[in-house]
Structure formats: structure tokens, C-alpha cells
Amino acid sequence: MPHKINTAKINEERGQTMAELALVLPVLLVLLLGIAQFGVAFNNYISLTDAVRAGARVAAVSRNSSDPAGACRARVLASAGSLNTTELGRNLSCTSSWDPGSVVTVYADYPYDISLLNWNVLSGRFDSTMKERVE
């Protein structure tokens, strides 16, 4: 006599949802962490660009001060928001002849690092240059 197979147990799907969740959840968490890391890096880029713009504006109107390059540098560092000012100040330059009508150039860069679960995905330096005419 052949052995009868219990088909009710074969068609049961109680553990399927948990198995699917265990497979998909790590991918979703890594994706979420990647979005957050990208958001932090993008925020740093926007802060860098705004700080350089503020420094260029101050440099453009500070030609009569005793140290227009120092005023420019101080404004960039003060406008940096949440950026590390020590790191920002390493490659910060404000250059011009400071004559009316000449162009002041402000340059700065800042490091970024996007890592997921201690795996470095992308790193480098953001840079921003702003030019403005000296008034």
C-alpha cells in the first residue's frame, strides 16, 4: 500500500513572510543608510558653497579695510555652519589685486566620505570657487 502524502503541510505558507523579510530587510537598511550618508555629504557641499559665496561678497566690499583677505577668510569660516573650520581653513584662499573693478577669487575645499557598514563607498574633496568684482 503506497504511503499517502499530507498535502496540507506542503501548501502551508506560515514562514514565507519571515523568510522574505530576512532577505529584503538588510538591503533596505543599507539603502536607507546610503540615502542618509548622501544627505550629509550634500549638506556639507551646500554649506561650503554658501560660505565661499559669503566670503567673496565680503571681499568685494572690503577693499578699503586694512586686511581684505583676512576679512574674506574670517567670513568664510564664520559662515561654514556645521563644517569643521580647521579642515575648511586648510585650502582656503582669497586672492585679488584689491583694485576697484578687479576680480576677487575665493576658493575652498572640504573632504567628504560616504561609507556604509564600514565599507568606504566614495570619498574625495568638494571644492567651490566664487568670483566677484571688487567694488
N, C-alpha and C. Protein backbone atom coordinates (compact mmCIF):
# COMPACT_ATOMS: atom_id res chain seq x y z
N MET A 1 0.84 -1.16 0.00
CA MET A 1 0.00 0.00 0.00
C MET A 1 0.90 1.25 0.00
N PRO A 2 0.70 2.14 -0.95
CA PRO A 2 1.53 3.35 -1.04
C PRO A 2 1.25 4.29 0.13
N HIS A 3 2.32 4.99 0.50
CA HIS A 3 2.21 5.93 1.61
C HIS A 3 1.53 7.21 1.13
N LYS A 4 0.56 7.69 1.86
CA LYS A 4 -0.19 8.88 1.49
C LYS A 4 0.53 10.14 2.00
N ILE A 5 0.74 11.12 1.12
CA ILE A 5 1.42 12.36 1.47
C ILE A 5 0.39 13.36 1.97
N ASN A 6 0.72 14.02 3.04
CA ASN A 6 -0.17 15.01 3.62
C ASN A 6 0.05 16.33 2.87
N THR A 7 -0.83 16.69 1.95
CA THR A 7 -0.68 17.90 1.13
C THR A 7 -1.01 19.16 1.90
N ALA A 8 -1.64 19.09 3.01
CA ALA A 8 -1.97 20.28 3.79
C ALA A 8 -0.69 20.94 4.32
N LYS A 9 0.30 20.16 4.68
CA LYS A 9 1.56 20.72 5.19
C LYS A 9 2.40 21.33 4.05
N ILE A 10 2.35 20.80 2.87
CA ILE A 10 3.13 21.31 1.75
C ILE A 10 2.63 22.69 1.32
N ASN A 11 1.35 22.93 1.34
CA ASN A 11 0.77 24.19 0.89
C ASN A 11 0.75 25.27 1.97
N GLU A 12 1.24 24.96 3.15
CA GLU A 12 1.23 25.92 4.24
C GLU A 12 2.34 26.97 4.01
N GLU A 13 2.03 28.26 4.27
CA GLU A 13 2.97 29.34 3.96
C GLU A 13 3.27 30.20 5.18
N ARG A 14 3.28 29.64 6.36
CA ARG A 14 3.43 30.43 7.57
C ARG A 14 4.81 31.10 7.68
N GLY A 15 5.87 30.51 7.29
CA GLY A 15 7.21 31.07 7.45
C GLY A 15 7.69 31.87 6.26
N GLN A 16 6.90 31.91 5.20
CA GLN A 16 7.33 32.58 3.98
C GLN A 16 7.55 34.07 4.19
N THR A 17 6.69 34.74 4.90
CA THR A 17 6.81 36.18 5.11
C THR A 17 8.08 36.51 5.89
N MET A 18 8.36 35.72 6.92
CA MET A 18 9.58 35.97 7.69
C MET A 18 10.83 35.72 6.86
N ALA A 19 10.81 34.73 6.02
CA ALA A 19 11.97 34.44 5.17
C ALA A 19 12.19 35.58 4.17
N GLU A 20 11.13 36.08 3.59
CA GLU A 20 11.25 37.20 2.65
C GLU A 20 11.74 38.45 3.36
N LEU A 21 11.25 38.72 4.56
CA LEU A 21 11.69 39.87 5.32
C LEU A 21 13.18 39.75 5.66
N ALA A 22 13.62 38.56 6.03
CA ALA A 22 15.04 38.36 6.36
C ALA A 22 15.93 38.59 5.15
N LEU A 23 15.43 38.34 3.96
CA LEU A 23 16.22 38.56 2.75
C LEU A 23 16.21 40.03 2.30
N VAL A 24 15.09 40.72 2.47
CA VAL A 24 14.93 42.07 1.93
C VAL A 24 15.36 43.15 2.94
N LEU A 25 15.18 42.92 4.22
CA LEU A 25 15.45 43.94 5.23
C LEU A 25 16.90 44.46 5.22
N PRO A 26 17.92 43.62 5.12
CA PRO A 26 19.29 44.17 5.07
C PRO A 26 19.53 45.08 3.87
N VAL A 27 18.97 44.74 2.74
CA VAL A 27 19.13 45.57 1.55
C VAL A 27 18.45 46.93 1.75
N LEU A 28 17.27 46.92 2.33
CA LEU A 28 16.56 48.17 2.58
C LEU A 28 17.29 49.04 3.61
N LEU A 29 17.86 48.42 4.64
CA LEU A 29 18.59 49.19 5.65
C LEU A 29 19.85 49.82 5.06
N VAL A 30 20.58 49.09 4.23
CA VAL A 30 21.77 49.65 3.58
C VAL A 30 21.36 50.79 2.65
N LEU A 31 20.28 50.64 1.95
CA LEU A 31 19.79 51.70 1.08
C LEU A 31 19.41 52.94 1.90
N LEU A 32 18.75 52.75 3.00
CA LEU A 32 18.37 53.87 3.88
C LEU A 32 19.61 54.57 4.44
N LEU A 33 20.60 53.80 4.89
CA LEU A 33 21.84 54.40 5.38
C LEU A 33 22.58 55.15 4.28
N GLY A 34 22.54 54.62 3.06
CA GLY A 34 23.17 55.31 1.94
C GLY A 34 22.51 56.64 1.64
N ILE A 35 21.21 56.69 1.72
CA ILE A 35 20.48 57.94 1.49
C ILE A 35 20.86 58.95 2.57
N ALA A 36 20.95 58.51 3.82
CA ALA A 36 21.32 59.41 4.91
C ALA A 36 22.75 59.93 4.73
N GLN A 37 23.68 59.06 4.36
CA GLN A 37 25.07 59.48 4.15
C GLN A 37 25.17 60.47 2.99
N PHE A 38 24.43 60.22 1.91
CA PHE A 38 24.43 61.14 0.79
C PHE A 38 23.86 62.49 1.21
N GLY A 39 22.83 62.48 2.04
CA GLY A 39 22.24 63.72 2.52
C GLY A 39 23.22 64.54 3.34
N VAL A 40 24.01 63.91 4.18
CA VAL A 40 25.02 64.61 4.97
C VAL A 40 26.09 65.20 4.05
N ALA A 41 26.54 64.42 3.07
CA ALA A 41 27.56 64.92 2.14
C ALA A 41 27.02 66.09 1.32
N PHE A 42 25.78 66.00 0.88
CA PHE A 42 25.18 67.09 0.10
C PHE A 42 25.01 68.35 0.95
N ASN A 43 24.64 68.18 2.21
CA ASN A 43 24.53 69.30 3.12
C ASN A 43 25.89 69.98 3.30
N ASN A 44 26.96 69.20 3.42
CA ASN A 44 28.30 69.77 3.52
C ASN A 44 28.67 70.55 2.27
N TYR A 45 28.29 70.05 1.11
CA TYR A 45 28.58 70.75 -0.14
C TYR A 45 27.84 72.10 -0.20
N ILE A 46 26.58 72.09 0.18
CA ILE A 46 25.79 73.33 0.17
C ILE A 46 26.38 74.33 1.18
N SER A 47 26.77 73.87 2.36
CA SER A 47 27.38 74.75 3.36
C SER A 47 28.68 75.34 2.86
N LEU A 48 29.49 74.54 2.18
CA LEU A 48 30.75 75.01 1.62
C LEU A 48 30.50 76.09 0.57
N THR A 49 29.57 75.85 -0.33
CA THR A 49 29.26 76.80 -1.39
C THR A 49 28.74 78.12 -0.81
N ASP A 50 27.86 78.04 0.17
CA ASP A 50 27.33 79.26 0.79
C ASP A 50 28.41 80.04 1.53
N ALA A 51 29.31 79.34 2.21
CA ALA A 51 30.38 80.01 2.94
C ALA A 51 31.33 80.73 1.99
N VAL A 52 31.67 80.09 0.88
CA VAL A 52 32.56 80.71 -0.11
C VAL A 52 31.87 81.92 -0.75
N ARG A 53 30.59 81.81 -1.01
CA ARG A 53 29.84 82.95 -1.57
C ARG A 53 29.84 84.13 -0.60
N ALA A 54 29.63 83.86 0.68
CA ALA A 54 29.63 84.93 1.69
C ALA A 54 31.01 85.58 1.79
N GLY A 55 32.06 84.77 1.73
CA GLY A 55 33.41 85.31 1.77
C GLY A 55 33.73 86.17 0.56
N ALA A 56 33.27 85.77 -0.61
CA ALA A 56 33.51 86.56 -1.82
C ALA A 56 32.79 87.89 -1.74
N ARG A 57 31.61 87.90 -1.19
CA ARG A 57 30.87 89.15 -1.08
C ARG A 57 31.57 90.12 -0.12
N VAL A 58 32.02 89.60 1.02
CA VAL A 58 32.73 90.46 1.97
C VAL A 58 34.03 90.97 1.34
N ALA A 59 34.73 90.13 0.63
CA ALA A 59 35.98 90.55 -0.02
C ALA A 59 35.72 91.62 -1.07
N ALA A 60 34.60 91.54 -1.74
CA ALA A 60 34.30 92.50 -2.80
C ALA A 60 34.02 93.90 -2.24
N VAL A 61 33.54 93.99 -1.03
CA VAL A 61 33.22 95.31 -0.46
C VAL A 61 34.20 95.74 0.62
N SER A 62 35.28 94.98 0.85
CA SER A 62 36.22 95.27 1.93
C SER A 62 37.57 95.80 1.44
N ARG A 63 37.63 96.35 0.26
CA ARG A 63 38.94 96.76 -0.27
C ARG A 63 39.56 97.89 0.52
N ASN A 64 38.77 98.68 1.22
CA ASN A 64 39.30 99.79 2.00
C ASN A 64 39.73 99.38 3.40
N SER A 65 39.47 98.14 3.78
CA SER A 65 39.89 97.69 5.11
C SER A 65 41.38 97.38 5.10
N SER A 66 41.96 97.25 6.28
CA SER A 66 43.40 97.01 6.37
C SER A 66 43.79 95.61 5.87
N ASP A 67 42.87 94.65 5.99
CA ASP A 67 43.17 93.27 5.56
C ASP A 67 41.94 92.65 4.89
N PRO A 68 41.70 92.96 3.60
CA PRO A 68 40.51 92.40 2.95
C PRO A 68 40.56 90.88 2.81
N ALA A 69 41.75 90.33 2.61
CA ALA A 69 41.87 88.87 2.52
C ALA A 69 41.54 88.22 3.86
N GLY A 70 41.97 88.85 4.95
CA GLY A 70 41.65 88.33 6.28
C GLY A 70 40.16 88.41 6.58
N ALA A 71 39.52 89.52 6.15
CA ALA A 71 38.07 89.65 6.34
C ALA A 71 37.33 88.59 5.54
N CYS A 72 37.82 88.32 4.34
CA CYS A 72 37.21 87.28 3.50
C CYS A 72 37.34 85.92 4.18
N ARG A 73 38.53 85.61 4.62
CA ARG A 73 38.79 84.32 5.26
C ARG A 73 37.94 84.16 6.53
N ALA A 74 37.88 85.21 7.33
CA ALA A 74 37.08 85.16 8.56
C ALA A 74 35.61 84.93 8.25
N ARG A 75 35.09 85.56 7.19
CA ARG A 75 33.68 85.40 6.84
C ARG A 75 33.39 83.98 6.36
N VAL A 76 34.30 83.41 5.56
CA VAL A 76 34.10 82.03 5.10
C VAL A 76 34.04 81.09 6.30
N LEU A 77 34.97 81.23 7.22
CA LEU A 77 35.00 80.34 8.39
C LEU A 77 33.79 80.57 9.29
N ALA A 78 33.33 81.81 9.41
CA ALA A 78 32.16 82.10 10.25
C ALA A 78 30.87 81.61 9.61
N SER A 79 30.84 81.55 8.29
CA SER A 79 29.63 81.13 7.58
C SER A 79 29.58 79.64 7.30
N ALA A 80 30.53 78.91 7.82
CA ALA A 80 30.66 77.49 7.47
C ALA A 80 29.60 76.60 8.10
N GLY A 81 28.84 77.10 9.02
CA GLY A 81 27.78 76.29 9.63
C GLY A 81 28.36 75.12 10.41
N SER A 82 27.97 73.91 10.05
CA SER A 82 28.38 72.72 10.78
C SER A 82 29.70 72.13 10.29
N LEU A 83 30.35 72.78 9.33
CA LEU A 83 31.61 72.26 8.81
C LEU A 83 32.73 72.44 9.83
N ASN A 84 33.70 71.56 9.81
CA ASN A 84 34.88 71.66 10.66
C ASN A 84 35.76 72.78 10.13
N THR A 85 35.87 73.87 10.87
CA THR A 85 36.59 75.05 10.38
C THR A 85 38.08 74.81 10.24
N THR A 86 38.64 73.92 11.04
CA THR A 86 40.07 73.59 10.90
C THR A 86 40.31 72.94 9.55
N GLU A 87 39.47 72.00 9.19
CA GLU A 87 39.60 71.31 7.89
C GLU A 87 39.30 72.26 6.74
N LEU A 88 38.32 73.14 6.92
CA LEU A 88 37.96 74.09 5.87
C LEU A 88 39.07 75.10 5.63
N GLY A 89 39.75 75.51 6.69
CA GLY A 89 40.79 76.52 6.57
C GLY A 89 42.07 76.05 5.91
N ARG A 90 42.24 74.75 5.73
CA ARG A 90 43.48 74.23 5.15
C ARG A 90 43.72 74.69 3.73
N ASN A 91 42.71 74.67 2.90
CA ASN A 91 42.85 75.05 1.48
C ASN A 91 41.93 76.21 1.13
N LEU A 92 41.89 77.20 1.97
CA LEU A 92 41.04 78.37 1.76
C LEU A 92 41.91 79.52 1.28
N SER A 93 41.52 80.12 0.16
CA SER A 93 42.29 81.26 -0.35
C SER A 93 41.36 82.35 -0.84
N CYS A 94 41.76 83.59 -0.61
CA CYS A 94 41.06 84.79 -1.09
C CYS A 94 42.11 85.61 -1.83
N THR A 95 42.02 85.69 -3.13
CA THR A 95 43.05 86.38 -3.92
C THR A 95 42.44 87.45 -4.81
N SER A 96 43.14 88.56 -4.91
CA SER A 96 42.76 89.66 -5.79
C SER A 96 43.85 90.71 -5.73
N SER A 97 43.81 91.67 -6.66
CA SER A 97 44.71 92.82 -6.57
C SER A 97 44.08 93.91 -5.70
N TRP A 98 42.81 93.75 -5.35
CA TRP A 98 42.02 94.63 -4.49
C TRP A 98 41.82 96.03 -5.07
N ASP A 99 42.05 96.17 -6.36
CA ASP A 99 41.75 97.44 -7.03
C ASP A 99 40.29 97.44 -7.46
N PRO A 100 39.64 98.62 -7.47
CA PRO A 100 38.24 98.66 -7.91
C PRO A 100 38.10 98.11 -9.34
N GLY A 101 37.15 97.24 -9.52
CA GLY A 101 36.91 96.63 -10.82
C GLY A 101 37.66 95.33 -11.03
N SER A 102 38.64 95.02 -10.19
CA SER A 102 39.33 93.74 -10.32
C SER A 102 38.45 92.62 -9.76
N VAL A 103 38.86 91.42 -9.98
CA VAL A 103 38.05 90.27 -9.56
C VAL A 103 38.71 89.61 -8.35
N VAL A 104 37.91 89.36 -7.34
CA VAL A 104 38.37 88.60 -6.18
C VAL A 104 37.93 87.15 -6.38
N THR A 105 38.84 86.24 -6.13
CA THR A 105 38.54 84.81 -6.26
C THR A 105 38.70 84.15 -4.90
N VAL A 106 37.66 83.47 -4.49
CA VAL A 106 37.67 82.74 -3.21
C VAL A 106 37.54 81.26 -3.53
N TYR A 107 38.47 80.48 -3.00
CA TYR A 107 38.48 79.04 -3.23
C TYR A 107 38.57 78.31 -1.90
N ALA A 108 37.82 77.24 -1.76
CA ALA A 108 37.91 76.38 -0.58
C ALA A 108 37.52 74.97 -0.98
N ASP A 109 38.04 74.01 -0.26
CA ASP A 109 37.60 72.63 -0.46
C ASP A 109 37.39 71.97 0.90
N TYR A 110 36.66 70.86 0.87
CA TYR A 110 36.28 70.18 2.11
C TYR A 110 36.13 68.68 1.81
N PRO A 111 36.62 67.82 2.71
CA PRO A 111 36.55 66.38 2.43
C PRO A 111 35.14 65.81 2.65
N TYR A 112 34.85 64.75 1.90
CA TYR A 112 33.62 64.00 2.14
C TYR A 112 33.95 62.52 2.12
N ASP A 113 33.13 61.75 2.78
CA ASP A 113 33.34 60.31 2.88
C ASP A 113 31.98 59.66 3.03
N ILE A 114 31.61 58.84 2.08
CA ILE A 114 30.35 58.10 2.15
C ILE A 114 30.71 56.64 2.38
N SER A 115 30.36 56.14 3.57
CA SER A 115 30.68 54.76 3.91
C SER A 115 29.44 54.08 4.45
N LEU A 116 29.29 52.83 4.08
CA LEU A 116 28.16 52.02 4.52
C LEU A 116 28.69 50.79 5.22
N LEU A 117 28.34 50.64 6.48
CA LEU A 117 28.75 49.49 7.28
C LEU A 117 30.26 49.29 7.25
N ASN A 118 30.99 50.38 7.49
CA ASN A 118 32.45 50.40 7.48
C ASN A 118 33.08 50.03 6.15
N TRP A 119 32.34 50.20 5.09
CA TRP A 119 32.85 49.97 3.75
C TRP A 119 32.81 51.31 3.03
N ASN A 120 33.99 51.82 2.65
CA ASN A 120 34.09 53.12 2.03
C ASN A 120 33.59 53.05 0.59
N VAL A 121 32.46 53.67 0.34
CA VAL A 121 31.85 53.65 -0.99
C VAL A 121 32.43 54.74 -1.87
N LEU A 122 32.56 55.94 -1.31
CA LEU A 122 33.01 57.09 -2.09
C LEU A 122 33.65 58.10 -1.15
N SER A 123 34.78 58.66 -1.55
CA SER A 123 35.41 59.72 -0.76
C SER A 123 36.17 60.64 -1.69
N GLY A 124 36.43 61.82 -1.21
CA GLY A 124 37.14 62.81 -2.01
C GLY A 124 37.03 64.16 -1.36
N ARG A 125 37.11 65.20 -2.17
CA ARG A 125 37.00 66.56 -1.66
C ARG A 125 36.05 67.37 -2.53
N PHE A 126 35.12 68.05 -1.87
CA PHE A 126 34.28 69.02 -2.57
C PHE A 126 35.11 70.29 -2.72
N ASP A 127 34.98 70.98 -3.83
CA ASP A 127 35.63 72.27 -3.95
C ASP A 127 34.64 73.28 -4.49
N SER A 128 34.87 74.52 -4.11
CA SER A 128 33.98 75.60 -4.53
C SER A 128 34.82 76.84 -4.79
N THR A 129 34.54 77.48 -5.90
CA THR A 129 35.22 78.72 -6.28
C THR A 129 34.16 79.77 -6.59
N MET A 130 34.37 80.96 -6.04
CA MET A 130 33.44 82.05 -6.30
C MET A 130 34.26 83.27 -6.70
N LYS A 131 33.79 83.94 -7.74
CA LYS A 131 34.46 85.16 -8.21
C LYS A 131 33.47 86.31 -8.14
N GLU A 132 33.98 87.46 -7.67
CA GLU A 132 33.15 88.64 -7.59
C GLU A 132 34.00 89.88 -7.86
N ARG A 133 33.39 90.86 -8.45
CA ARG A 133 34.11 92.10 -8.80
C ARG A 133 34.24 92.99 -7.57
N VAL A 134 35.45 93.50 -7.36
CA VAL A 134 35.73 94.37 -6.22
C VAL A 134 35.06 95.73 -6.46
N GLU A 135 34.35 96.21 -5.49
CA GLU A 135 33.63 97.50 -5.62
C GLU A 135 34.47 98.64 -5.10
